[in-house]
Amino acid sequence: MLCAERIQRIVQAIILGLIMGLAGAQMFKVAFIVTFAMMIMLFIAGVTGFCPGLMILKKIFPPCKCEEKKDN
């Protein structure tokens, strides 16, 4: 089953594809604005650890569990 973090990355890939499509359709201003907004959100998430999109997705989908193997 998909978890919140994986879905977030899928959404980011879709947005990047949309940006490529906008640039291909020569809608450079819109592509730039969407790219800039995504850059700001990623920067804020990286610096503060707060991501509003991920918070919403965690309410809908379960968070990913870290699968660590412990050697004893």
Protein backbone atom coordinates (compact mmCIF):
# COMPACT_ATOMS: atom_id res chain seq x y z
CA MET A 1 0.00 0.00 0.00
CA LEU A 2 1.14 3.51 -0.68
CA CYS A 3 2.12 5.70 2.21
CA ALA A 4 2.07 9.48 2.61
CA GLU A 5 5.73 10.15 1.82
CA ARG A 6 5.64 8.05 -1.36
CA ILE A 7 2.46 9.74 -2.53
CA GLN A 8 4.10 13.13 -1.91
CA ARG A 9 6.97 12.18 -4.20
CA ILE A 10 4.53 10.95 -6.85
CA VAL A 11 2.71 14.29 -6.68
CA GLN A 12 6.03 16.13 -7.01
CA ALA A 13 6.84 14.06 -10.12
CA ILE A 14 3.43 14.91 -11.60
CA ILE A 15 4.01 18.62 -10.92
CA LEU A 16 7.42 18.46 -12.59
CA GLY A 17 5.81 16.75 -15.60
CA LEU A 18 3.20 19.50 -15.71
CA ILE A 19 5.97 22.10 -15.68
CA MET A 20 7.71 20.34 -18.57
CA GLY A 21 4.42 20.30 -20.48
CA LEU A 22 3.88 24.00 -19.84
CA ALA A 23 7.39 24.78 -21.04
CA GLY A 24 6.84 22.59 -24.11
CA ALA A 25 3.66 24.55 -24.86
CA GLN A 26 5.76 27.72 -24.56
CA MET A 27 3.90 28.92 -21.47
CA PHE A 28 7.18 29.90 -19.85
CA LYS A 29 5.76 32.44 -17.40
CA VAL A 30 3.34 29.92 -15.88
CA ALA A 31 6.04 27.22 -15.83
CA PHE A 32 8.41 29.61 -14.05
CA ILE A 33 5.79 30.57 -11.45
CA VAL A 34 4.91 26.95 -10.68
CA THR A 35 8.61 26.00 -10.48
CA PHE A 36 9.37 28.94 -8.22
CA ALA A 37 6.45 28.07 -5.90
CA MET A 38 7.64 24.46 -5.71
CA MET A 39 11.19 25.62 -4.95
CA ILE A 40 9.95 27.82 -2.10
CA MET A 41 7.86 25.01 -0.61
CA LEU A 42 10.77 22.55 -0.82
CA PHE A 43 13.13 25.08 0.74
CA ILE A 44 10.75 25.73 3.64
CA ALA A 45 10.24 21.99 4.13
CA GLY A 46 14.00 21.43 4.10
CA VAL A 47 14.84 24.19 6.56
CA THR A 48 11.96 23.87 9.02
CA GLY A 49 10.81 20.29 8.50
CA PHE A 50 7.22 21.53 8.04
CA CYS A 51 5.45 20.45 4.87
CA PRO A 52 1.75 21.33 4.65
CA GLY A 53 1.11 18.89 1.81
CA LEU A 54 2.63 16.02 3.77
CA MET A 55 0.59 16.93 6.84
CA ILE A 56 -2.60 16.67 4.77
CA LEU A 57 -1.51 13.40 3.17
CA LYS A 58 -0.72 11.88 6.59
CA LYS A 59 -4.34 12.51 7.61
CA ILE A 60 -5.55 10.52 4.59
CA PHE A 61 -2.83 7.86 4.21
CA PRO A 62 -0.65 6.13 6.80
CA PRO A 63 2.91 7.42 7.21
CA CYS A 64 5.74 5.27 5.87
CA LYS A 65 7.36 3.06 8.46
CA CYS A 66 11.10 2.85 8.47
CA GLU A 67 12.18 -0.71 7.83
CA GLU A 68 15.42 -1.07 9.69
CA LYS A 69 17.11 -4.39 10.25
CA LYS A 70 18.79 -4.64 13.60
CA ASP A 71 21.71 -7.01 13.85
CA ASN A 72 22.01 -8.74 17.21
